[in-house]
Amino acid sequence: MNKFILRQSLLLLLTATIWGVAFVAQRVGMDYVGPFTFNVMRSIIGGVVLLPCIALLGKINGKGNTEAAKKMDGKERKTLFIGGIACGVLLCIASNLQQFGIMYTSVGKAGFITAMYIVVVPVLGIFLRKKVSGKVWCGVGIAVAGLYLLCMKESGFSVQKGDFLLMLCALVFSLHILVIDYFSPKADGVKLSCIQFFTCGILSGVGMVLTEKPQLTSILAAWMPILYAGVMSCGVAYTLQIIGQKGMNPTVASLILSLESVVSVIAGFLILHQTLSLRELIGCVLMFAAIILVQLPDRAKK
């Protein structure tokens, strides 16, 4: 492994670690503020953190001031805002489902159930007339088996409230990825992310005003998990992902990033002292195996 690949891999591993630990921050934040309030604060902070990045990248990649470039910028701007708002709406739904779901289950389970989007995305491709390989269907079967073990209780199979909300979260995140896949080649990725964060924050603010009574003292008490989720998870990790994926094999990159779910279990144990039963750990292993299987490249045809 050359130094470049090693460096990029370490950056992606750091990204996965930050995202995995973010599940702990989300859970701790619920001790002080409501789910909508938490997402308002983290999303707005995440958007603000990306503003200097946008300004810096704008200077580095400055465009000419020709009339043709201005016209092209106008078209790109329209696509950028439509894409950013669309992504923001889905991000708002998914992140709030996740935030509510994590209140009723462990950090480790939340990480693995949320990671189901990696398996669901190829299946949703059916509706876009994309062929789904046998490998993907096999991965879906393994993921379902793992999910069964995660949700199975001593009294039998039972989908708890938190598990159900996280399943819905994984589904919406799958739609979110498909929308990003559509708009990302047509717009600047960092700007798209910034707009989606602000959109998510504003929409979450509506839920906060209607259902919660946020207090400044409570928000200040939750400053550490909010800042971690906003600055580290949204701002820093997203930037690291962009830098780390540059020049990397997409399959290798996605495999490294999927370690986020494993980190969530470790972080939940080390920080919150949350443990999983042997059955739940086997379920996690099966789901992680499904995630890896789905991301493996298909064998090239001769």
Protein backbone atom coordinates (compact mmCIF):
# COMPACT_ATOMS: atom_id res chain seq x y z
CA MET A 1 0.00 0.00 0.00
CA ASN A 2 1.54 3.34 -1.05
CA LYS A 3 1.57 6.42 1.19
CA PHE A 4 -1.25 8.14 -0.71
CA ILE A 5 -3.69 5.23 -0.34
CA LEU A 6 -2.71 4.84 3.32
CA ARG A 7 -3.34 8.52 4.00
CA GLN A 8 -6.72 8.53 2.22
CA SER A 9 -7.74 5.34 4.04
CA LEU A 10 -6.84 6.86 7.41
CA LEU A 11 -8.89 9.99 6.59
CA LEU A 12 -11.92 7.84 5.74
CA LEU A 13 -11.41 5.75 8.87
CA LEU A 14 -11.35 8.97 10.91
CA THR A 15 -14.59 10.02 9.18
CA ALA A 16 -16.26 6.72 10.09
CA THR A 17 -15.03 7.08 13.68
CA ILE A 18 -16.45 10.59 14.00
CA TRP A 19 -19.82 9.47 12.62
CA GLY A 20 -19.90 6.40 14.85
CA VAL A 21 -19.22 8.41 18.00
CA ALA A 22 -21.87 10.92 16.88
CA PHE A 23 -24.53 8.35 17.84
CA VAL A 24 -23.34 8.75 21.44
CA ALA A 25 -23.55 12.54 21.17
CA GLN A 26 -27.09 12.24 19.81
CA ARG A 27 -28.11 9.98 22.67
CA VAL A 28 -26.52 12.17 25.37
CA GLY A 29 -28.08 15.27 23.86
CA MET A 30 -31.54 13.83 24.56
CA ASP A 31 -30.86 14.18 28.28
CA TYR A 32 -31.10 17.96 27.91
CA VAL A 33 -33.13 18.93 24.82
CA GLY A 34 -35.83 17.48 22.57
CA PRO A 35 -35.07 15.73 19.26
CA PHE A 36 -36.20 18.64 17.08
CA THR A 37 -34.22 21.16 19.14
CA PHE A 38 -31.09 19.01 18.89
CA ASN A 39 -31.39 18.72 15.11
CA VAL A 40 -32.05 22.44 14.71
CA MET A 41 -28.86 23.32 16.53
CA ARG A 42 -26.63 20.66 14.94
CA SER A 43 -27.88 21.38 11.41
CA ILE A 44 -27.47 25.15 11.64
CA ILE A 45 -24.00 24.74 13.16
CA GLY A 46 -23.11 22.24 10.42
CA GLY A 47 -24.20 24.69 7.73
CA VAL A 48 -22.26 27.57 9.33
CA VAL A 49 -19.11 25.43 9.60
CA LEU A 50 -19.23 24.75 5.85
CA LEU A 51 -19.47 28.44 4.89
CA PRO A 52 -15.70 29.11 5.33
CA CYS A 53 -14.99 25.93 3.34
CA ILE A 54 -17.17 27.22 0.50
CA ALA A 55 -15.42 30.61 0.55
CA LEU A 56 -11.98 28.98 0.52
CA LEU A 57 -12.86 26.56 -2.28
CA GLY A 58 -14.41 29.45 -4.22
CA LYS A 59 -11.09 31.32 -4.18
CA ILE A 60 -9.12 28.22 -5.13
CA ASN A 61 -11.47 27.21 -7.93
CA GLY A 62 -12.42 30.75 -9.04
CA LYS A 63 -14.19 30.97 -12.38
CA GLY A 64 -13.78 33.53 -15.11
CA ASN A 65 -16.20 36.43 -15.37
CA THR A 66 -17.22 35.83 -18.97
CA GLU A 67 -20.87 36.17 -19.96
CA ALA A 68 -21.06 32.46 -20.82
CA ALA A 69 -19.76 31.54 -17.40
CA LYS A 70 -22.34 33.81 -15.74
CA LYS A 71 -25.16 32.15 -17.67
CA MET A 72 -23.85 28.73 -16.71
CA ASP A 73 -23.61 29.87 -13.08
CA GLY A 74 -27.27 30.87 -13.20
CA LYS A 75 -28.32 27.41 -14.33
CA GLU A 76 -26.07 25.76 -11.78
CA ARG A 77 -27.42 28.01 -9.05
CA LYS A 78 -31.01 26.97 -9.77
CA THR A 79 -30.09 23.28 -9.80
CA LEU A 80 -28.03 23.78 -6.64
CA PHE A 81 -30.91 25.28 -4.66
CA ILE A 82 -33.49 22.78 -5.90
CA GLY A 83 -31.14 19.88 -5.07
CA GLY A 84 -30.11 21.35 -1.72
CA ILE A 85 -33.70 21.88 -0.62
CA ALA A 86 -34.77 18.41 -1.81
CA CYS A 87 -31.87 16.81 0.05
CA GLY A 88 -32.59 18.98 3.10
CA VAL A 89 -36.23 17.87 3.29
CA LEU A 90 -35.25 14.20 3.22
CA LEU A 91 -32.36 14.79 5.64
CA CYS A 92 -34.79 16.50 8.02
CA ILE A 93 -37.19 13.55 7.98
CA ALA A 94 -34.42 10.94 8.29
CA SER A 95 -32.41 12.70 11.01
CA ASN A 96 -35.47 13.37 13.15
CA LEU A 97 -36.66 9.78 12.81
CA GLN A 98 -33.17 8.73 13.88
CA GLN A 99 -33.15 11.19 16.77
CA PHE A 100 -36.51 9.97 18.07
CA GLY A 101 -35.55 6.33 17.51
CA ILE A 102 -32.25 6.58 19.37
CA MET A 103 -34.18 7.61 22.48
CA TYR A 104 -35.69 4.13 22.74
CA THR A 105 -32.79 1.84 21.83
CA SER A 106 -29.05 1.42 22.34
CA VAL A 107 -26.44 3.37 20.39
CA GLY A 108 -25.03 0.17 18.83
CA LYS A 109 -28.39 -1.06 17.54
CA ALA A 110 -29.15 2.41 16.20
CA GLY A 111 -25.89 2.41 14.25
CA PHE A 112 -26.51 -0.94 12.59
CA ILE A 113 -30.21 -0.45 11.83
CA THR A 114 -29.47 2.96 10.31
CA ALA A 115 -26.70 1.38 8.20
CA MET A 116 -29.38 -0.70 6.45
CA TYR A 117 -29.59 2.12 3.89
CA ILE A 118 -26.50 0.63 2.23
CA VAL A 119 -28.52 -2.52 1.55
CA VAL A 120 -31.80 -0.76 0.75
CA VAL A 121 -30.40 1.66 -1.86
CA PRO A 122 -29.69 -1.02 -4.52
CA VAL A 123 -33.17 -2.49 -3.98
CA LEU A 124 -34.81 0.91 -4.46
CA GLY A 125 -32.90 1.07 -7.74
CA ILE A 126 -35.54 -1.33 -9.11
CA PHE A 127 -37.94 1.63 -9.32
CA LEU A 128 -35.32 3.46 -11.39
CA ARG A 129 -35.16 0.45 -13.74
CA LYS A 130 -31.77 -0.61 -12.45
CA LYS A 131 -30.95 -4.30 -12.41
CA VAL A 132 -30.48 -5.84 -8.96
CA SER A 133 -27.93 -8.63 -8.84
CA GLY A 134 -28.27 -11.88 -6.95
CA LYS A 135 -25.49 -10.67 -4.65
CA VAL A 136 -27.70 -7.78 -3.51
CA TRP A 137 -30.70 -10.05 -2.86
CA CYS A 138 -28.42 -12.33 -0.87
CA GLY A 139 -27.27 -9.31 1.13
CA VAL A 140 -30.88 -8.33 1.78
CA GLY A 141 -31.61 -11.81 3.11
CA ILE A 142 -28.60 -11.72 5.44
CA ALA A 143 -29.55 -8.21 6.63
CA VAL A 144 -33.11 -9.32 7.41
CA ALA A 145 -31.73 -12.25 9.42
CA GLY A 146 -29.45 -9.89 11.32
CA LEU A 147 -32.30 -7.47 11.93
CA TYR A 148 -34.43 -10.32 13.25
CA LEU A 149 -31.76 -11.19 15.83
CA LEU A 150 -31.39 -7.53 16.80
CA CYS A 151 -35.13 -7.12 17.37
CA MET A 152 -35.79 -10.54 18.90
CA LYS A 153 -36.61 -10.53 22.61
CA GLU A 154 -36.89 -13.35 25.13
CA SER A 155 -40.66 -13.34 24.62
CA GLY A 156 -40.22 -13.65 20.85
CA PHE A 157 -39.75 -11.37 17.85
CA SER A 158 -40.86 -7.84 18.65
CA VAL A 159 -40.16 -4.62 16.78
CA GLN A 160 -39.87 -1.93 19.41
CA LYS A 161 -40.81 1.70 18.81
CA GLY A 162 -37.19 2.81 18.51
CA ASP A 163 -36.31 -0.02 16.10
CA PHE A 164 -39.29 0.81 13.87
CA LEU A 165 -38.40 4.51 13.74
CA LEU A 166 -34.80 3.64 12.83
CA MET A 167 -36.01 1.31 10.04
CA LEU A 168 -38.03 4.19 8.61
CA CYS A 169 -34.94 6.37 9.05
CA ALA A 170 -32.86 3.91 6.99
CA LEU A 171 -35.51 3.94 4.24
CA VAL A 172 -35.57 7.76 4.07
CA PHE A 173 -31.76 7.92 4.12
CA SER A 174 -31.85 5.55 1.12
CA LEU A 175 -34.07 8.01 -0.76
CA HIS A 176 -31.75 10.81 0.38
CA ILE A 177 -28.76 9.01 -1.16
CA LEU A 178 -30.58 8.51 -4.46
CA VAL A 179 -31.46 12.22 -4.59
CA ILE A 180 -27.83 13.16 -3.84
CA ASP A 181 -26.73 10.72 -6.55
CA TYR A 182 -28.94 12.62 -9.00
CA PHE A 183 -27.91 16.17 -8.07
CA SER A 184 -24.25 15.78 -7.03
CA PRO A 185 -22.87 15.56 -10.62
CA LYS A 186 -24.81 18.73 -11.47
CA ALA A 187 -23.90 20.92 -8.49
CA ASP A 188 -21.05 21.68 -6.10
CA GLY A 189 -21.05 19.03 -3.36
CA VAL A 190 -20.04 21.28 -0.44
CA LYS A 191 -22.59 23.97 -1.35
CA LEU A 192 -25.26 21.30 -1.80
CA SER A 193 -24.50 19.95 1.66
CA CYS A 194 -24.53 23.44 3.20
CA ILE A 195 -27.98 24.21 1.78
CA GLN A 196 -29.34 20.86 2.90
CA PHE A 197 -28.11 21.50 6.46
CA PHE A 198 -29.80 24.91 6.63
CA THR A 199 -32.99 23.48 5.11
CA CYS A 200 -32.98 20.66 7.63
CA GLY A 201 -32.42 23.13 10.47
CA ILE A 202 -35.28 25.42 9.39
CA LEU A 203 -37.76 22.57 8.92
CA SER A 204 -36.74 21.00 12.23
CA GLY A 205 -37.33 24.41 13.77
CA VAL A 206 -41.00 24.16 12.78
CA GLY A 207 -41.29 20.87 14.68
CA MET A 208 -39.41 22.39 17.61
CA VAL A 209 -41.79 25.35 17.88
CA LEU A 210 -44.92 23.19 17.54
CA THR A 211 -44.01 20.30 19.85
CA GLU A 212 -41.19 21.38 22.16
CA LYS A 213 -40.42 24.21 24.56
CA PRO A 214 -36.71 24.82 24.11
CA GLN A 215 -34.92 26.75 26.83
CA LEU A 216 -31.58 28.46 26.49
CA THR A 217 -30.31 26.90 29.71
CA SER A 218 -31.07 23.39 28.38
CA ILE A 219 -29.37 24.12 25.06
CA LEU A 220 -26.29 25.49 26.85
CA ALA A 221 -26.25 22.40 29.09
CA ALA A 222 -26.12 20.24 25.93
CA TRP A 223 -23.37 22.34 24.31
CA MET A 224 -20.86 19.47 24.07
CA PRO A 225 -23.01 16.86 22.23
CA ILE A 226 -24.56 19.59 20.05
CA LEU A 227 -21.17 21.00 19.05
CA TYR A 228 -19.79 17.54 18.37
CA ALA A 229 -22.75 16.62 16.19
CA GLY A 230 -22.72 19.98 14.40
CA VAL A 231 -19.02 20.74 14.01
CA MET A 232 -17.44 17.29 13.95
CA SER A 233 -20.16 15.07 12.45
CA CYS A 234 -21.62 17.56 9.95
CA GLY A 235 -18.76 19.93 9.16
CA VAL A 236 -15.43 18.19 9.77
CA ALA A 237 -16.45 14.61 8.85
CA TYR A 238 -18.14 15.69 5.62
CA THR A 239 -15.02 17.63 4.57
CA LEU A 240 -12.78 14.68 5.48
CA GLN A 241 -15.01 12.40 3.41
CA ILE A 242 -14.62 14.63 0.35
CA ILE A 243 -10.83 14.79 0.76
CA GLY A 244 -10.49 11.10 1.64
CA GLN A 245 -12.53 9.81 -1.30
CA LYS A 246 -10.49 11.77 -3.82
CA GLY A 247 -8.43 9.28 -5.81
CA MET A 248 -9.78 6.30 -3.86
CA ASN A 249 -11.63 3.28 -5.23
CA PRO A 250 -15.33 4.02 -4.41
CA THR A 251 -15.87 0.44 -3.22
CA VAL A 252 -12.91 0.58 -0.83
CA ALA A 253 -14.05 3.99 0.40
CA SER A 254 -17.60 2.79 1.11
CA LEU A 255 -16.28 -0.29 2.92
CA ILE A 256 -14.16 1.87 5.22
CA LEU A 257 -17.03 4.30 5.86
CA SER A 258 -19.36 1.42 6.73
CA LEU A 259 -17.20 0.85 9.83
CA GLU A 260 -19.27 3.69 11.29
CA SER A 261 -21.77 1.07 12.51
CA VAL A 262 -19.03 -0.92 14.26
CA VAL A 263 -17.65 2.23 15.91
CA SER A 264 -21.13 3.06 17.24
CA VAL A 265 -21.19 -0.24 19.18
CA ILE A 266 -17.70 0.33 20.58
CA ALA A 267 -18.46 3.96 21.48
CA GLY A 268 -21.74 2.99 23.14
CA PHE A 269 -19.88 0.45 25.28
CA LEU A 270 -16.90 2.65 26.21
CA ILE A 271 -18.74 5.93 26.82
CA LEU A 272 -22.30 4.97 27.82
CA HIS A 273 -21.50 1.46 29.11
CA GLN A 274 -24.23 0.02 26.88
CA THR A 275 -23.84 -3.67 26.11
CA LEU A 276 -25.45 -5.97 23.57
CA SER A 277 -26.45 -9.55 24.20
CA LEU A 278 -24.74 -12.39 22.32
CA ARG A 279 -27.81 -12.70 20.08
CA GLU A 280 -27.72 -8.97 19.27
CA LEU A 281 -23.98 -9.12 18.57
CA ILE A 282 -24.55 -11.97 16.11
CA GLY A 283 -27.25 -9.84 14.50
CA CYS A 284 -24.73 -6.99 14.16
CA VAL A 285 -22.20 -9.34 12.57
CA LEU A 286 -24.78 -10.56 10.04
CA MET A 287 -25.84 -7.01 9.16
CA PHE A 288 -22.22 -5.93 8.75
CA ALA A 289 -21.60 -8.95 6.52
CA ALA A 290 -24.60 -7.91 4.40
CA ILE A 291 -23.27 -4.35 4.16
CA ILE A 292 -19.87 -5.58 2.95
CA LEU A 293 -21.42 -8.08 0.51
CA VAL A 294 -23.58 -5.44 -1.15
CA GLN A 295 -20.60 -3.11 -1.62
CA LEU A 296 -18.30 -5.71 -3.16
CA PRO A 297 -17.83 -5.15 -6.90
CA ASP A 298 -19.48 -7.50 -9.35
CA ARG A 299 -17.20 -9.85 -11.24
CA ALA A 300 -16.39 -8.32 -14.59
CA LYS A 301 -17.85 -10.08 -17.61
CA LYS A 302 -15.45 -11.36 -20.24
